[in-house]
C-alpha atoms as a PDB file:
ATOM      1  CA  UNK A   1      45.527 329.054  28.940  1.00  0.00           C
ATOM      2  CA  UNK A   2      42.243 330.931  28.485  1.00  0.00           C
ATOM      3  CA  UNK A   3      40.757 328.054  26.361  1.00  0.00           C
ATOM      4  CA  UNK A   4      41.463 325.607  29.160  1.00  0.00           C
ATOM      5  CA  UNK A   5      39.599 327.692  31.582  1.00  0.00           C
ATOM      6  CA  UNK A   6      36.593 328.101  29.279  1.00  0.00           C
ATOM      7  CA  UNK A   7      36.707 324.371  28.609  1.00  0.00           C
ATOM      8  CA  UNK A   8      36.625 323.677  32.383  1.00  0.00           C
ATOM      9  CA  UNK A   9      33.797 326.141  33.003  1.00  0.00           C
ATOM     10  CA  UNK A  10      31.758 324.619  30.071  1.00  0.00           C
ATOM     11  CA  UNK A  11      32.362 321.144  31.523  1.00  0.00           C
ATOM     12  CA  UNK A  12      31.117 322.346  34.870  1.00  0.00           C
ATOM     13  CA  UNK A  13      28.027 323.901  33.408  1.00  0.00           C
ATOM     14  CA  UNK A  14      27.215 320.816  31.305  1.00  0.00           C
ATOM     15  CA  UNK A  15      27.705 318.449  34.369  1.00  0.00           C
ATOM     16  CA  UNK A  16      25.462 320.684  36.503  1.00  0.00           C
ATOM     17  CA  UNK A  17      22.692 320.515  33.768  1.00  0.00           C
ATOM     18  CA  UNK A  18      23.025 316.711  33.609  1.00  0.00           C
ATOM     19  CA  UNK A  19      22.716 316.440  37.328  1.00  0.00           C
ATOM     20  CA  UNK A  20      19.714 318.793  37.423  1.00  0.00           C
ATOM     21  CA  UNK A  21      17.880 316.792  34.722  1.00  0.00           C
ATOM     22  CA  UNK A  22      18.736 313.507  36.468  1.00  0.00           C
ATOM     23  CA  UNK A  23      17.384 314.876  39.800  1.00  0.00           C
ATOM     24  CA  UNK A  24      14.184 315.998  38.084  1.00  0.00           C
ATOM     25  CA  UNK A  25      13.475 312.638  36.526  1.00  0.00           C
ATOM     26  CA  UNK A  26      14.307 310.865  39.779  1.00  0.00           C
ATOM     27  CA  UNK A  27      11.895 313.003  41.701  1.00  0.00           C
ATOM     28  CA  UNK A  28       9.196 312.465  39.226  1.00  0.00           C
ATOM     29  CA  UNK A  29       9.752 308.709  39.499  1.00  0.00           C
ATOM     30  CA  UNK A  30       9.774 308.831  43.211  1.00  0.00           C
ATOM     31  CA  UNK A  31       6.413 310.928  43.200  1.00  0.00           C
ATOM     32  CA  UNK A  32       4.898 308.282  40.937  1.00  0.00           C
ATOM     33  CA  UNK A  33       5.993 305.458  43.264  1.00  0.00           C
ATOM     34  CA  UNK A  34       4.540 307.263  46.260  1.00  0.00           C
ATOM     35  CA  UNK A  35       1.259 307.858  44.438  1.00  0.00           C
ATOM     36  CA  UNK A  36       0.968 304.126  43.424  1.00  0.00           C
ATOM     37  CA  UNK A  37       1.767 302.982  46.922  1.00  0.00           C
ATOM     38  CA  UNK A  38      -0.754 305.403  48.510  1.00  0.00           C
ATOM     39  CA  UNK A  39      -3.480 303.922  46.265  1.00  0.00           C
ATOM     40  CA  UNK A  40      -2.614 300.306  47.089  1.00  0.00           C
ATOM     41  CA  UNK A  41      -4.916 298.247  49.335  1.00  0.00           C
ATOM     42  CA  UNK A  42      -1.902 297.432  51.628  1.00  0.00           C
ATOM     43  CA  UNK A  43      -1.214 301.044  52.479  1.00  0.00           C
ATOM     44  CA  UNK A  44      -4.998 301.813  52.693  1.00  0.00           C
ATOM     45  CA  UNK A  45      -5.318 299.104  55.369  1.00  0.00           C
ATOM     46  CA  UNK A  46      -2.295 300.332  57.291  1.00  0.00           C
ATOM     47  CA  UNK A  47      -3.490 303.951  57.044  1.00  0.00           C
ATOM     48  CA  UNK A  48      -6.950 302.991  58.545  1.00  0.00           C
ATOM     49  CA  UNK A  49      -5.172 301.217  61.460  1.00  0.00           C
ATOM     50  CA  UNK A  50      -2.883 304.166  62.193  1.00  0.00           C
ATOM     51  CA  UNK A  51      -5.753 306.606  62.154  1.00  0.00           C
ATOM     52  CA  UNK A  52      -7.735 304.350  64.697  1.00  0.00           C
ATOM     53  CA  UNK A  53      -4.601 304.730  66.878  1.00  0.00           C
ATOM     54  CA  UNK A  54      -4.630 308.503  66.782  1.00  0.00           C
ATOM     55  CA  UNK A  55      -6.263 308.610  70.239  1.00  0.00           C
ATOM     56  CA  UNK A  56      -3.240 307.056  71.815  1.00  0.00           C
ATOM     57  CA  UNK A  57      -0.011 308.728  72.614  1.00  0.00           C
ATOM     58  CA  UNK A  58       2.372 306.835  70.254  1.00  0.00           C
ATOM     59  CA  UNK A  59       5.944 306.246  71.512  1.00  0.00           C
ATOM     60  CA  UNK A  60       7.451 304.621  68.470  1.00  0.00           C
ATOM     61  CA  UNK A  61       6.548 303.624  64.948  1.00  0.00           C
ATOM     62  CA  UNK A  62       9.051 301.115  63.527  1.00  0.00           C
ATOM     63  CA  UNK A  63       8.936 300.481  59.742  1.00  0.00           C
ATOM     64  CA  UNK A  64      10.879 297.401  58.844  1.00  0.00           C
ATOM     65  CA  UNK A  65      10.773 295.131  55.775  1.00  0.00           C
ATOM     66  CA  UNK A  66       8.563 292.718  57.556  1.00  0.00           C
ATOM     67  CA  UNK A  67       5.981 295.241  58.657  1.00  0.00           C
ATOM     68  CA  UNK A  68       5.148 298.195  60.898  1.00  0.00           C
ATOM     69  CA  UNK A  69       5.059 298.109  64.760  1.00  0.00           C
ATOM     70  CA  UNK A  70       3.590 300.793  66.966  1.00  0.00           C
ATOM     71  CA  UNK A  71       4.087 301.193  70.583  1.00  0.00           C
ATOM     72  CA  UNK A  72       2.478 303.512  73.091  1.00  0.00           C
ATOM     73  CA  UNK A  73       3.793 305.686  75.863  1.00  0.00           C
ATOM     74  CA  UNK A  74       1.587 305.018  78.881  1.00  0.00           C
ATOM     75  CA  UNK A  75       1.053 302.212  79.338  1.00  0.00           C
ATOM     76  CA  UNK A  76       4.024 301.004  77.335  1.00  0.00           C
ATOM     77  CA  UNK A  77       2.849 298.263  75.154  1.00  0.00           C
ATOM     78  CA  UNK A  78       2.517 297.273  71.468  1.00  0.00           C
ATOM     79  CA  UNK A  79      -0.566 298.815  69.958  1.00  0.00           C
ATOM     80  CA  UNK A  80      -0.192 297.469  66.436  1.00  0.00           C
ATOM     81  CA  UNK A  81       1.874 294.822  64.635  1.00  0.00           C
ATOM     82  CA  UNK A  82       1.027 295.131  60.891  1.00  0.00           C
ATOM     83  CA  UNK A  83       2.737 292.379  58.892  1.00  0.00           C
ATOM     84  CA  UNK A  84       3.263 293.111  55.265  1.00  0.00           C
ATOM     85  CA  UNK A  85       3.332 289.329  54.410  1.00  0.00           C
ATOM     86  CA  UNK A  86       0.111 288.527  56.122  1.00  0.00           C
ATOM     87  CA  UNK A  87      -1.672 291.506  54.565  1.00  0.00           C
ATOM     88  CA  UNK A  88      -0.924 290.555  51.020  1.00  0.00           C
ATOM     89  CA  UNK A  89       2.595 291.700  50.277  1.00  0.00           C
ATOM     90  CA  UNK A  90       5.554 289.447  50.694  1.00  0.00           C
ATOM     91  CA  UNK A  91       8.041 291.765  48.782  1.00  0.00           C
ATOM     92  CA  UNK A  92      10.713 292.605  51.273  1.00  0.00           C
ATOM     93  CA  UNK A  93      13.136 295.371  50.036  1.00  0.00           C
ATOM     94  CA  UNK A  94      14.630 298.501  51.191  1.00  0.00           C
ATOM     95  CA  UNK A  95      12.759 300.651  48.660  1.00  0.00           C
ATOM     96  CA  UNK A  96       9.321 299.631  49.951  1.00  0.00           C
ATOM     97  CA  UNK A  97      10.477 300.369  53.485  1.00  0.00           C
ATOM     98  CA  UNK A  98      11.662 303.809  52.756  1.00  0.00           C
ATOM     99  CA  UNK A  99       8.525 304.552  50.714  1.00  0.00           C
ATOM    100  CA  UNK A 100       6.259 303.494  53.633  1.00  0.00           C
ATOM    101  CA  UNK A 101       8.342 305.666  55.976  1.00  0.00           C
ATOM    102  CA  UNK A 102       7.804 308.694  53.603  1.00  0.00           C
ATOM    103  CA  UNK A 103       4.099 308.089  53.244  1.00  0.00           C
ATOM    104  CA  UNK A 104       3.742 307.835  57.007  1.00  0.00           C
ATOM    105  CA  UNK A 105       5.664 311.084  57.452  1.00  0.00           C
ATOM    106  CA  UNK A 106       3.443 312.814  54.887  1.00  0.00           C
ATOM    107  CA  UNK A 107       0.083 311.548  56.116  1.00  0.00           C
ATOM    108  CA  UNK A 108       0.701 311.991  59.807  1.00  0.00           C
ATOM    109  CA  UNK A 109       2.424 315.441  60.276  1.00  0.00           C
ATOM    110  CA  UNK A 110       2.790 314.863  64.147  1.00  0.00           C
ATOM    111  CA  UNK A 111       5.776 312.443  63.332  1.00  0.00           C
ATOM    112  CA  UNK A 112       7.620 315.208  61.473  1.00  0.00           C
ATOM    113  CA  UNK A 113       6.992 318.012  63.962  1.00  0.00           C
ATOM    114  CA  UNK A 114      10.262 319.378  65.308  1.00  0.00           C
ATOM    115  CA  UNK A 115      10.871 318.579  68.981  1.00  0.00           C
ATOM    116  CA  UNK A 116       8.168 315.806  69.172  1.00  0.00           C
ATOM    117  CA  UNK A 117       9.561 312.899  67.241  1.00  0.00           C
ATOM    118  CA  UNK A 118      12.953 311.954  65.627  1.00  0.00           C
ATOM    119  CA  UNK A 119      13.300 309.815  62.489  1.00  0.00           C
ATOM    120  CA  UNK A 120      16.254 307.400  62.662  1.00  0.00           C
ATOM    121  CA  UNK A 121      17.438 304.856  60.078  1.00  0.00           C
ATOM    122  CA  UNK A 122      19.000 301.614  61.161  1.00  0.00           C
ATOM    123  CA  UNK A 123      19.879 298.266  59.841  1.00  0.00           C
ATOM    124  CA  UNK A 124      18.505 294.912  60.862  1.00  0.00           C
ATOM    125  CA  UNK A 125      20.229 291.654  60.224  1.00  0.00           C
ATOM    126  CA  UNK A 126      18.055 288.718  59.222  1.00  0.00           C
ATOM    127  CA  UNK A 127      18.888 285.131  59.994  1.00  0.00           C
ATOM    128  CA  UNK A 128      20.361 284.560  56.584  1.00  0.00           C
ATOM    129  CA  UNK A 129      22.857 287.417  57.286  1.00  0.00           C
ATOM    130  CA  UNK A 130      21.252 289.899  54.842  1.00  0.00           C
ATOM    131  CA  UNK A 131      21.156 293.483  56.200  1.00  0.00           C
ATOM    132  CA  UNK A 132      17.789 295.365  55.693  1.00  0.00           C
ATOM    133  CA  UNK A 133      17.107 299.056  56.083  1.00  0.00           C
ATOM    134  CA  UNK A 134      14.552 300.051  58.696  1.00  0.00           C
ATOM    135  CA  UNK A 135      13.180 303.352  59.940  1.00  0.00           C
ATOM    136  CA  UNK A 136      11.777 304.455  63.357  1.00  0.00           C
ATOM    137  CA  UNK A 137       9.860 307.517  64.364  1.00  0.00           C
ATOM    138  CA  UNK A 138      10.706 307.807  68.139  1.00  0.00           C
ATOM    139  CA  UNK A 139       9.186 310.276  70.525  1.00  0.00           C
ATOM    140  CA  UNK A 140      11.742 312.635  71.996  1.00  0.00           C
ATOM    141  CA  UNK A 141      12.221 312.500  75.779  1.00  0.00           C
ATOM    142  CA  UNK A 142      11.125 316.169  76.396  1.00  0.00           C
ATOM    143  CA  UNK A 143       7.924 315.666  74.530  1.00  0.00           C
ATOM    144  CA  UNK A 144       7.291 312.437  76.441  1.00  0.00           C
ATOM    145  CA  UNK A 145       7.762 314.077  79.766  1.00  0.00           C
ATOM    146  CA  UNK A 146       5.377 316.838  78.763  1.00  0.00           C
ATOM    147  CA  UNK A 147       2.756 314.367  77.718  1.00  0.00           C
ATOM    148  CA  UNK A 148       3.161 312.261  80.919  1.00  0.00           C
ATOM    149  CA  UNK A 149       2.946 315.486  83.168  1.00  0.00           C
ATOM    150  CA  UNK A 150      -0.159 316.512  81.187  1.00  0.00           C
ATOM    151  CA  UNK A 151      -1.915 313.148  81.275  1.00  0.00           C
ATOM    152  CA  UNK A 152      -0.972 312.137  84.776  1.00  0.00           C
ATOM    153  CA  UNK A 153      -1.400 314.890  87.293  1.00  0.00           C
ATOM    154  CA  UNK A 154       0.708 315.035  90.421  1.00  0.00           C
ATOM    155  CA  UNK A 155       0.324 311.879  92.428  1.00  0.00           C
ATOM    156  CA  UNK A 156       0.952 311.233  96.068  1.00  0.00           C
ATOM    157  CA  UNK A 157       3.941 309.131  96.679  1.00  0.00           C
ATOM    158  CA  UNK A 158       4.473 307.312  99.924  1.00  0.00           C
ATOM    159  CA  UNK A 159       8.078 306.284 100.605  1.00  0.00           C
END
């Protein structure tokens, strides 16, 4: 009976060690992918355009397999439509979409600030029926109300 318990404990320790090694290797591979994507001309162009938009109040950043779309709070309109295909990358896969979302979150800390933005993952269906992963940084309602109250002082309303 004791040998069965020792065997079970050894099995758990061995499986934990294997999962730890696998997690370390996966984390290194992920860091390498992020480093390579950050150095690519495609991300450099997107980064320059997002930095140029830093003077606007950004309502939502949508990262899809086709590209990145940025909309503003007030006035509500599209500030940027960055197409991956027209900017030299026609590869459309879920890994690239996730990596772009991670890099944007790392390089623009406002999007990861608690209470300001919320990251959501959703699926889009293409015309061929294939689902694709997409991500969106969306401004929270409380933060949006705060910005609108700060930017637009009290106005006289005539009913």
